[in-house]
Amino acid sequence: MKFDTLRQGISFYENYGSVSGFDTRLYSTKERKSKGKISLKYCVCNKEGFRETPRLQSNCKKKRPITRMGCNVRITLKLINDQHNYIIFSIHEGHTHPLTTPNSVHHTKQSRNLTLAHKKYIIDNSCANIGATKSYRPMKEHMGGYQNMATSVTDFKNFKENQKAY
């Protein structure tokens, strides 16, 4: 496959991942020294590799769950020399973890997003001294349940925390 820009290739892989039931992340880049253009870009499954340092020290406030499973799924996008397009240079498939089912794929991190209506609802409730969790519950009922929400209560909380800085 050929893409006009690197961003189009990355978007293609992100869309492929969300349809297939896994999240993606950008991994590594190789640049050409002479022109400063990105010659190779690696996109991987978000469960690729293992965590480098264990977070089991006693001074950690929050113990984070293990999310890396050693999955080797990746795609490599390569710059074509004579043209300024990118192609899929290599693909490695074969997940080492279960994929998300089609019914719950909207709960994956890349699929969750706050719409303008969600943001306005959070801000309006915040002005009325209603917290993020209490705002999420009526919104969930209004949308018809968790399965119809394109966001989580954590997204509501994070949005509110970001608004305090402004």
N, C-alpha and C. Protein backbone atom coordinates (compact mmCIF):
# COMPACT_ATOMS: atom_id res chain seq x y z
N MET A 1 0.83 -1.18 0.00
CA MET A 1 0.00 0.00 0.00
C MET A 1 0.87 1.24 0.00
N LYS A 2 0.40 2.28 -0.63
CA LYS A 2 1.15 3.52 -0.73
C LYS A 2 0.35 4.65 -0.08
N PHE A 3 1.06 5.49 0.69
CA PHE A 3 0.43 6.62 1.37
C PHE A 3 1.15 7.91 0.96
N ASP A 4 0.39 8.98 0.83
CA ASP A 4 0.99 10.26 0.44
C ASP A 4 1.83 10.86 1.57
N THR A 5 1.40 10.66 2.81
CA THR A 5 2.14 11.20 3.96
C THR A 5 2.30 10.10 5.00
N LEU A 6 3.22 10.34 5.92
CA LEU A 6 3.43 9.40 7.03
C LEU A 6 2.20 9.36 7.92
N ARG A 7 1.57 10.51 8.14
CA ARG A 7 0.38 10.58 8.99
C ARG A 7 -0.75 9.69 8.44
N GLN A 8 -0.89 9.62 7.12
CA GLN A 8 -1.92 8.76 6.52
C GLN A 8 -1.63 7.29 6.80
N GLY A 9 -0.37 6.90 6.74
CA GLY A 9 0.00 5.52 7.03
C GLY A 9 -0.26 5.16 8.48
N ILE A 10 0.07 6.08 9.38
CA ILE A 10 -0.17 5.85 10.81
C ILE A 10 -1.67 5.76 11.08
N SER A 11 -2.45 6.65 10.46
CA SER A 11 -3.91 6.62 10.65
C SER A 11 -4.50 5.32 10.12
N PHE A 12 -3.98 4.84 9.00
CA PHE A 12 -4.44 3.57 8.46
C PHE A 12 -4.23 2.45 9.47
N TYR A 13 -3.05 2.39 10.08
CA TYR A 13 -2.76 1.32 11.03
C TYR A 13 -3.60 1.47 12.30
N GLU A 14 -3.83 2.70 12.75
CA GLU A 14 -4.69 2.92 13.91
C GLU A 14 -6.11 2.44 13.63
N ASN A 15 -6.62 2.75 12.45
CA ASN A 15 -7.97 2.29 12.07
C ASN A 15 -8.02 0.77 11.96
N TYR A 16 -6.99 0.19 11.36
CA TYR A 16 -6.90 -1.27 11.26
C TYR A 16 -6.90 -1.89 12.65
N GLY A 17 -6.15 -1.31 13.57
CA GLY A 17 -6.09 -1.83 14.93
C GLY A 17 -7.43 -1.75 15.64
N SER A 18 -8.12 -0.62 15.50
CA SER A 18 -9.40 -0.51 16.19
C SER A 18 -10.45 -1.43 15.60
N VAL A 19 -10.41 -1.69 14.30
CA VAL A 19 -11.34 -2.65 13.68
C VAL A 19 -10.98 -4.07 14.11
N SER A 20 -9.68 -4.35 14.23
CA SER A 20 -9.24 -5.70 14.59
C SER A 20 -9.35 -5.99 16.08
N GLY A 21 -9.40 -4.96 16.92
CA GLY A 21 -9.59 -5.18 18.34
C GLY A 21 -8.35 -4.96 19.18
N PHE A 22 -7.43 -4.09 18.75
CA PHE A 22 -6.26 -3.77 19.57
C PHE A 22 -5.88 -2.31 19.37
N ASP A 23 -5.23 -1.73 20.37
CA ASP A 23 -4.74 -0.36 20.29
C ASP A 23 -3.32 -0.38 19.75
N THR A 24 -2.91 0.72 19.17
CA THR A 24 -1.57 0.84 18.61
C THR A 24 -0.83 1.99 19.28
N ARG A 25 0.48 1.98 19.10
CA ARG A 25 1.29 3.11 19.55
C ARG A 25 2.48 3.24 18.63
N LEU A 26 3.04 4.44 18.58
CA LEU A 26 4.22 4.68 17.76
C LEU A 26 5.43 4.21 18.53
N TYR A 27 6.34 3.54 17.85
CA TYR A 27 7.46 2.91 18.54
C TYR A 27 8.78 3.60 18.27
N SER A 28 9.27 3.56 17.06
CA SER A 28 10.60 4.05 16.78
C SER A 28 10.63 4.71 15.42
N THR A 29 11.65 5.54 15.22
CA THR A 29 11.80 6.28 13.99
C THR A 29 13.26 6.25 13.56
N LYS A 30 13.48 6.15 12.25
CA LYS A 30 14.82 6.32 11.70
C LYS A 30 14.77 7.43 10.68
N GLU A 31 15.69 8.39 10.81
CA GLU A 31 15.72 9.53 9.91
C GLU A 31 16.92 9.47 9.00
N ARG A 32 16.79 10.11 7.84
CA ARG A 32 17.92 10.27 6.94
C ARG A 32 18.74 11.47 7.40
N LYS A 33 20.02 11.27 7.52
CA LYS A 33 20.88 12.35 7.99
C LYS A 33 21.00 13.47 6.97
N SER A 34 21.02 13.11 5.71
CA SER A 34 21.24 14.13 4.68
C SER A 34 20.04 15.05 4.51
N LYS A 35 18.84 14.51 4.56
CA LYS A 35 17.65 15.32 4.27
C LYS A 35 16.81 15.60 5.51
N GLY A 36 17.03 14.88 6.59
CA GLY A 36 16.25 15.08 7.80
C GLY A 36 14.83 14.54 7.72
N LYS A 37 14.53 13.75 6.71
CA LYS A 37 13.21 13.16 6.57
C LYS A 37 13.17 11.82 7.28
N ILE A 38 12.00 11.44 7.74
CA ILE A 38 11.82 10.15 8.41
C ILE A 38 11.81 9.07 7.33
N SER A 39 12.75 8.13 7.42
CA SER A 39 12.84 7.08 6.42
C SER A 39 12.10 5.81 6.84
N LEU A 40 12.08 5.50 8.13
CA LEU A 40 11.35 4.34 8.64
C LEU A 40 10.57 4.75 9.88
N LYS A 41 9.35 4.28 9.98
CA LYS A 41 8.53 4.51 11.17
C LYS A 41 7.91 3.18 11.57
N TYR A 42 8.08 2.81 12.84
CA TYR A 42 7.54 1.56 13.36
C TYR A 42 6.30 1.88 14.20
N CYS A 43 5.21 1.19 13.92
CA CYS A 43 3.99 1.27 14.72
C CYS A 43 3.74 -0.13 15.28
N VAL A 44 3.45 -0.23 16.57
CA VAL A 44 3.33 -1.53 17.22
C VAL A 44 2.00 -1.63 17.97
N CYS A 45 1.68 -2.83 18.38
CA CYS A 45 0.56 -3.08 19.28
C CYS A 45 0.89 -2.44 20.63
N ASN A 46 -0.11 -1.91 21.33
CA ASN A 46 0.20 -1.24 22.60
C ASN A 46 0.66 -2.22 23.68
N LYS A 47 0.55 -3.51 23.45
CA LYS A 47 1.02 -4.50 24.41
C LYS A 47 2.39 -5.08 24.01
N GLU A 48 3.08 -4.41 23.09
CA GLU A 48 4.39 -4.86 22.63
C GLU A 48 5.43 -4.66 23.72
N GLY A 49 6.36 -5.60 23.82
CA GLY A 49 7.46 -5.48 24.76
C GLY A 49 7.07 -5.75 26.20
N PHE A 50 7.98 -5.43 27.10
CA PHE A 50 7.77 -5.58 28.53
C PHE A 50 8.20 -4.29 29.22
N ARG A 51 7.66 -4.03 30.37
CA ARG A 51 8.04 -2.85 31.14
C ARG A 51 9.50 -2.99 31.57
N GLU A 52 10.26 -1.92 31.44
CA GLU A 52 11.69 -1.97 31.72
C GLU A 52 11.98 -2.12 33.21
N THR A 53 11.38 -1.30 34.03
CA THR A 53 11.65 -1.36 35.46
C THR A 53 10.38 -1.75 36.20
N PRO A 54 10.46 -2.72 37.07
CA PRO A 54 9.26 -3.07 37.84
C PRO A 54 8.91 -1.97 38.83
N ARG A 55 7.64 -1.68 38.93
CA ARG A 55 7.18 -0.62 39.83
C ARG A 55 6.71 -1.24 41.14
N LEU A 56 7.57 -2.00 41.74
CA LEU A 56 7.22 -2.66 42.99
C LEU A 56 7.93 -2.05 44.19
N GLN A 57 8.61 -0.93 43.98
CA GLN A 57 9.30 -0.30 45.11
C GLN A 57 8.27 0.21 46.11
N SER A 58 8.68 0.33 47.33
CA SER A 58 7.75 0.75 48.37
C SER A 58 7.41 2.23 48.29
N ASN A 59 8.22 3.02 47.58
CA ASN A 59 7.95 4.46 47.53
C ASN A 59 6.95 4.84 46.43
N CYS A 60 6.47 3.87 45.64
CA CYS A 60 5.47 4.16 44.62
C CYS A 60 4.12 4.39 45.28
N LYS A 61 3.45 5.46 44.88
CA LYS A 61 2.14 5.76 45.44
C LYS A 61 1.05 4.89 44.83
N LYS A 62 1.17 4.65 43.53
CA LYS A 62 0.14 3.88 42.84
C LYS A 62 0.77 2.72 42.10
N LYS A 63 0.31 1.55 42.37
CA LYS A 63 0.79 0.36 41.67
C LYS A 63 0.03 0.25 40.35
N ARG A 64 0.73 0.32 39.26
CA ARG A 64 0.11 0.28 37.95
C ARG A 64 0.02 -1.17 37.45
N PRO A 65 -1.07 -1.48 36.76
CA PRO A 65 -1.20 -2.85 36.26
C PRO A 65 -0.21 -3.12 35.14
N ILE A 66 0.11 -4.37 34.95
CA ILE A 66 1.01 -4.76 33.87
C ILE A 66 0.22 -4.76 32.57
N THR A 67 0.64 -3.92 31.62
CA THR A 67 -0.08 -3.81 30.36
C THR A 67 0.71 -4.37 29.19
N ARG A 68 2.00 -4.52 29.32
CA ARG A 68 2.82 -5.04 28.24
C ARG A 68 2.88 -6.56 28.33
N MET A 69 2.60 -7.22 27.21
CA MET A 69 2.51 -8.68 27.19
C MET A 69 3.54 -9.33 26.27
N GLY A 70 4.45 -8.57 25.70
CA GLY A 70 5.45 -9.14 24.80
C GLY A 70 4.90 -9.42 23.41
N CYS A 71 3.86 -8.72 23.01
CA CYS A 71 3.27 -8.92 21.69
C CYS A 71 4.23 -8.39 20.61
N ASN A 72 4.40 -9.13 19.54
CA ASN A 72 5.36 -8.75 18.50
C ASN A 72 4.70 -8.15 17.26
N VAL A 73 3.43 -7.79 17.33
CA VAL A 73 2.74 -7.24 16.17
C VAL A 73 3.27 -5.84 15.88
N ARG A 74 3.64 -5.63 14.61
CA ARG A 74 4.17 -4.32 14.22
C ARG A 74 4.00 -4.12 12.72
N ILE A 75 4.09 -2.87 12.33
CA ILE A 75 4.10 -2.51 10.91
C ILE A 75 5.22 -1.50 10.73
N THR A 76 5.90 -1.58 9.59
CA THR A 76 6.98 -0.64 9.29
C THR A 76 6.60 0.15 8.05
N LEU A 77 6.62 1.46 8.16
CA LEU A 77 6.36 2.35 7.04
C LEU A 77 7.69 2.89 6.54
N LYS A 78 7.94 2.80 5.23
CA LYS A 78 9.21 3.19 4.66
C LYS A 78 9.01 4.27 3.60
N LEU A 79 9.91 5.24 3.61
CA LEU A 79 9.89 6.31 2.62
C LEU A 79 10.45 5.80 1.30
N ILE A 80 9.73 6.09 0.20
CA ILE A 80 10.21 5.72 -1.12
C ILE A 80 11.18 6.81 -1.59
N ASN A 81 12.35 6.41 -2.11
CA ASN A 81 13.41 7.36 -2.47
C ASN A 81 13.00 8.38 -3.53
N ASP A 82 12.58 7.91 -4.69
CA ASP A 82 12.33 8.83 -5.79
C ASP A 82 11.04 9.63 -5.61
N GLN A 83 10.12 9.11 -4.84
CA GLN A 83 8.87 9.82 -4.57
C GLN A 83 8.88 10.23 -3.11
N HIS A 84 7.94 11.02 -2.71
CA HIS A 84 7.85 11.41 -1.31
C HIS A 84 6.64 10.74 -0.67
N ASN A 85 6.49 9.46 -0.96
CA ASN A 85 5.40 8.66 -0.43
C ASN A 85 5.95 7.60 0.50
N TYR A 86 5.05 7.03 1.30
CA TYR A 86 5.43 5.95 2.22
C TYR A 86 4.70 4.68 1.81
N ILE A 87 5.37 3.56 1.99
CA ILE A 87 4.76 2.26 1.73
C ILE A 87 4.85 1.40 2.98
N ILE A 88 4.01 0.38 3.01
CA ILE A 88 4.12 -0.60 4.08
C ILE A 88 5.27 -1.52 3.72
N PHE A 89 6.35 -1.44 4.47
CA PHE A 89 7.57 -2.18 4.17
C PHE A 89 7.51 -3.59 4.74
N SER A 90 7.03 -3.71 5.98
CA SER A 90 6.91 -5.04 6.58
C SER A 90 5.77 -5.06 7.58
N ILE A 91 5.20 -6.25 7.72
CA ILE A 91 4.11 -6.47 8.68
C ILE A 91 4.43 -7.74 9.44
N HIS A 92 4.27 -7.69 10.74
CA HIS A 92 4.41 -8.89 11.56
C HIS A 92 3.12 -9.04 12.34
N GLU A 93 2.40 -10.14 12.12
CA GLU A 93 1.13 -10.39 12.80
C GLU A 93 1.29 -11.54 13.78
N GLY A 94 0.34 -11.71 14.64
CA GLY A 94 0.34 -12.80 15.61
C GLY A 94 0.39 -12.28 17.03
N HIS A 95 -0.75 -11.91 17.55
CA HIS A 95 -0.83 -11.37 18.91
C HIS A 95 -0.61 -12.47 19.94
N THR A 96 -0.01 -12.11 21.06
CA THR A 96 0.22 -13.04 22.16
C THR A 96 -0.78 -12.80 23.29
N HIS A 97 -1.85 -12.08 22.99
CA HIS A 97 -2.86 -11.75 23.99
C HIS A 97 -4.23 -11.77 23.31
N PRO A 98 -5.30 -11.89 24.08
CA PRO A 98 -6.62 -11.88 23.45
C PRO A 98 -6.96 -10.48 22.94
N LEU A 99 -7.66 -10.45 21.82
CA LEU A 99 -8.09 -9.18 21.23
C LEU A 99 -9.43 -8.76 21.82
N THR A 100 -9.76 -7.51 21.66
CA THR A 100 -11.02 -6.98 22.15
C THR A 100 -12.14 -7.46 21.23
N THR A 101 -13.27 -7.80 21.81
CA THR A 101 -14.41 -8.25 21.01
C THR A 101 -15.05 -7.06 20.31
N PRO A 102 -15.75 -7.30 19.21
CA PRO A 102 -16.40 -6.18 18.50
C PRO A 102 -17.41 -5.43 19.37
N ASN A 103 -18.04 -6.11 20.33
CA ASN A 103 -19.01 -5.44 21.19
C ASN A 103 -18.36 -4.47 22.18
N SER A 104 -17.10 -4.68 22.52
CA SER A 104 -16.45 -3.81 23.50
C SER A 104 -15.27 -3.04 22.93
N VAL A 105 -15.14 -2.99 21.60
CA VAL A 105 -14.01 -2.29 21.00
C VAL A 105 -14.10 -0.78 21.24
N HIS A 106 -15.29 -0.26 21.49
CA HIS A 106 -15.43 1.17 21.74
C HIS A 106 -14.88 1.57 23.12
N HIS A 107 -14.52 0.60 23.95
CA HIS A 107 -13.92 0.90 25.25
C HIS A 107 -12.40 0.99 25.19
N THR A 108 -11.78 0.67 24.06
CA THR A 108 -10.33 0.76 23.96
C THR A 108 -9.91 2.21 24.01
N LYS A 109 -8.68 2.45 24.39
CA LYS A 109 -8.19 3.80 24.64
C LYS A 109 -8.29 4.69 23.40
N GLN A 110 -7.96 4.16 22.23
CA GLN A 110 -8.00 4.98 21.02
C GLN A 110 -9.42 5.27 20.56
N SER A 111 -10.37 4.45 20.94
CA SER A 111 -11.75 4.66 20.52
C SER A 111 -12.50 5.62 21.43
N ARG A 112 -12.01 5.81 22.64
CA ARG A 112 -12.68 6.71 23.57
C ARG A 112 -12.34 8.15 23.25
N ASN A 113 -13.35 9.00 23.25
CA ASN A 113 -13.10 10.42 23.07
C ASN A 113 -14.26 11.22 23.64
N LEU A 114 -13.96 12.40 24.11
CA LEU A 114 -14.99 13.30 24.61
C LEU A 114 -15.48 14.16 23.45
N THR A 115 -16.78 14.14 23.21
CA THR A 115 -17.35 14.99 22.18
C THR A 115 -17.55 16.39 22.76
N LEU A 116 -17.90 17.32 21.90
CA LEU A 116 -18.16 18.68 22.35
C LEU A 116 -19.33 18.70 23.34
N ALA A 117 -20.32 17.85 23.11
CA ALA A 117 -21.47 17.77 24.03
C ALA A 117 -21.03 17.28 25.41
N HIS A 118 -20.14 16.28 25.45
CA HIS A 118 -19.62 15.80 26.73
C HIS A 118 -18.89 16.92 27.46
N LYS A 119 -18.04 17.64 26.75
CA LYS A 119 -17.25 18.71 27.37
C LYS A 119 -18.14 19.81 27.92
N LYS A 120 -19.15 20.21 27.16
CA LYS A 120 -20.07 21.25 27.63
C LYS A 120 -20.84 20.76 28.85
N TYR A 121 -21.25 19.52 28.84
CA TYR A 121 -21.98 18.94 29.97
C TYR A 121 -21.11 18.94 31.23
N ILE A 122 -19.85 18.58 31.09
CA ILE A 122 -18.93 18.56 32.23
C ILE A 122 -18.72 19.97 32.77
N ILE A 123 -18.51 20.93 31.87
CA ILE A 123 -18.28 22.32 32.30
C ILE A 123 -19.52 22.89 32.98
N ASP A 124 -20.71 22.64 32.41
CA ASP A 124 -21.95 23.14 33.02
C ASP A 124 -22.16 22.55 34.41
N ASN A 125 -21.92 21.25 34.55
CA ASN A 125 -22.07 20.62 35.86
C ASN A 125 -20.99 21.09 36.82
N SER A 126 -19.82 21.38 36.33
CA SER A 126 -18.76 21.89 37.18
C SER A 126 -19.11 23.26 37.74
N CYS A 127 -19.76 24.08 36.92
CA CYS A 127 -20.20 25.40 37.40
C CYS A 127 -21.26 25.26 38.49
N ALA A 128 -22.00 24.17 38.47
CA ALA A 128 -23.03 23.91 39.48
C ALA A 128 -22.49 23.07 40.64
N ASN A 129 -21.15 22.95 40.73
CA ASN A 129 -20.47 22.17 41.78
C ASN A 129 -20.88 20.70 41.78
N ILE A 130 -21.04 20.13 40.60
CA ILE A 130 -21.32 18.71 40.45
C ILE A 130 -20.05 18.08 39.89
N GLY A 131 -19.53 17.09 40.59
CA GLY A 131 -18.26 16.47 40.22
C GLY A 131 -18.36 15.60 38.97
N ALA A 132 -17.21 15.13 38.55
CA ALA A 132 -17.12 14.36 37.31
C ALA A 132 -17.86 13.03 37.41
N THR A 133 -17.73 12.33 38.52
CA THR A 133 -18.39 11.04 38.67
C THR A 133 -19.90 11.20 38.70
N LYS A 134 -20.37 12.20 39.41
CA LYS A 134 -21.81 12.44 39.47
C LYS A 134 -22.34 12.97 38.14
N SER A 135 -21.50 13.57 37.33
CA SER A 135 -21.91 14.00 35.99
C SER A 135 -21.98 12.82 35.04
N TYR A 136 -21.11 11.86 35.25
CA TYR A 136 -21.03 10.71 34.34
C TYR A 136 -22.27 9.82 34.44
N ARG A 137 -22.77 9.62 35.65
CA ARG A 137 -23.90 8.70 35.85
C ARG A 137 -25.15 9.12 35.08
N PRO A 138 -25.61 10.39 35.18
CA PRO A 138 -26.80 10.75 34.39
C PRO A 138 -26.54 10.73 32.88
N MET A 139 -25.31 11.07 32.48
CA MET A 139 -24.98 11.03 31.06
C MET A 139 -25.06 9.59 30.55
N LYS A 140 -24.58 8.64 31.36
CA LYS A 140 -24.64 7.23 30.99
C LYS A 140 -26.10 6.79 30.83
N GLU A 141 -26.98 7.21 31.74
CA GLU A 141 -28.39 6.85 31.65
C GLU A 141 -29.04 7.51 30.44
N HIS A 142 -28.65 8.74 30.17
CA HIS A 142 -29.21 9.46 29.02
C HIS A 142 -28.81 8.78 27.70
N MET A 143 -27.58 8.27 27.65
CA MET A 143 -27.09 7.61 26.43
C MET A 143 -27.59 6.17 26.30
N GLY A 144 -28.17 5.61 27.36
CA GLY A 144 -28.72 4.26 27.29
C GLY A 144 -27.82 3.18 27.83
N GLY A 145 -26.83 3.54 28.63
CA GLY A 145 -25.96 2.55 29.26
C GLY A 145 -24.51 2.71 28.87
N TYR A 146 -23.67 1.92 29.55
CA TYR A 146 -22.22 1.98 29.33
C TYR A 146 -21.85 1.63 27.89
N GLN A 147 -22.58 0.69 27.31
CA GLN A 147 -22.23 0.23 25.97
C GLN A 147 -22.37 1.34 24.93
N ASN A 148 -23.16 2.36 25.20
CA ASN A 148 -23.35 3.45 24.23
C ASN A 148 -22.46 4.66 24.52
N MET A 149 -21.75 4.63 25.63
CA MET A 149 -20.86 5.74 25.96
C MET A 149 -19.54 5.56 25.22
N ALA A 150 -19.07 6.60 24.60
CA ALA A 150 -17.79 6.55 23.89
C ALA A 150 -16.67 7.07 24.77
N THR A 151 -16.87 7.06 26.07
CA THR A 151 -15.89 7.59 27.01
C THR A 151 -16.06 6.88 28.35
N SER A 152 -15.14 7.13 29.27
CA SER A 152 -15.22 6.51 30.58
C SER A 152 -15.26 7.59 31.65
N VAL A 153 -15.53 7.18 32.88
CA VAL A 153 -15.57 8.13 33.98
C VAL A 153 -14.18 8.73 34.21
N THR A 154 -13.14 7.99 33.91
CA THR A 154 -11.78 8.51 34.03
C THR A 154 -11.55 9.64 33.04
N ASP A 155 -12.10 9.52 31.84
CA ASP A 155 -11.98 10.60 30.86
C ASP A 155 -12.70 11.85 31.36
N PHE A 156 -13.84 11.67 32.01
CA PHE A 156 -14.55 12.80 32.59
C PHE A 156 -13.69 13.46 33.67
N LYS A 157 -13.09 12.66 34.54
CA LYS A 157 -12.25 13.21 35.61
C LYS A 157 -11.03 13.92 35.04
N ASN A 158 -10.39 13.34 34.06
CA ASN A 158 -9.20 13.96 33.47
C ASN A 158 -9.53 15.27 32.78
N PHE A 159 -10.68 15.35 32.14
CA PHE A 159 -11.07 16.59 31.49
C PHE A 159 -11.27 17.68 32.52
N LYS A 160 -11.91 17.35 33.63
CA LYS A 160 -12.16 18.34 34.66
C LYS A 160 -10.84 18.84 35.27
N GLU A 161 -9.89 17.90 35.48
CA GLU A 161 -8.61 18.30 36.03
C GLU A 161 -7.85 19.21 35.07
N ASN A 162 -7.99 18.95 33.77
CA ASN A 162 -7.32 19.79 32.79
C ASN A 162 -7.94 21.19 32.74
N GLN A 163 -9.21 21.30 33.02
CA GLN A 163 -9.87 22.60 32.97
C GLN A 163 -9.48 23.49 34.14
N LYS A 164 -9.06 22.90 35.27
CA LYS A 164 -8.67 23.71 36.42
C LYS A 164 -7.43 24.55 36.13
N ALA A 165 -6.60 24.08 35.21
CA ALA A 165 -5.37 24.81 34.90
C ALA A 165 -5.65 26.07 34.09
N TYR A 166 -6.82 26.15 33.43
CA TYR A 166 -7.10 27.30 32.55
C TYR A 166 -7.74 28.43 33.28
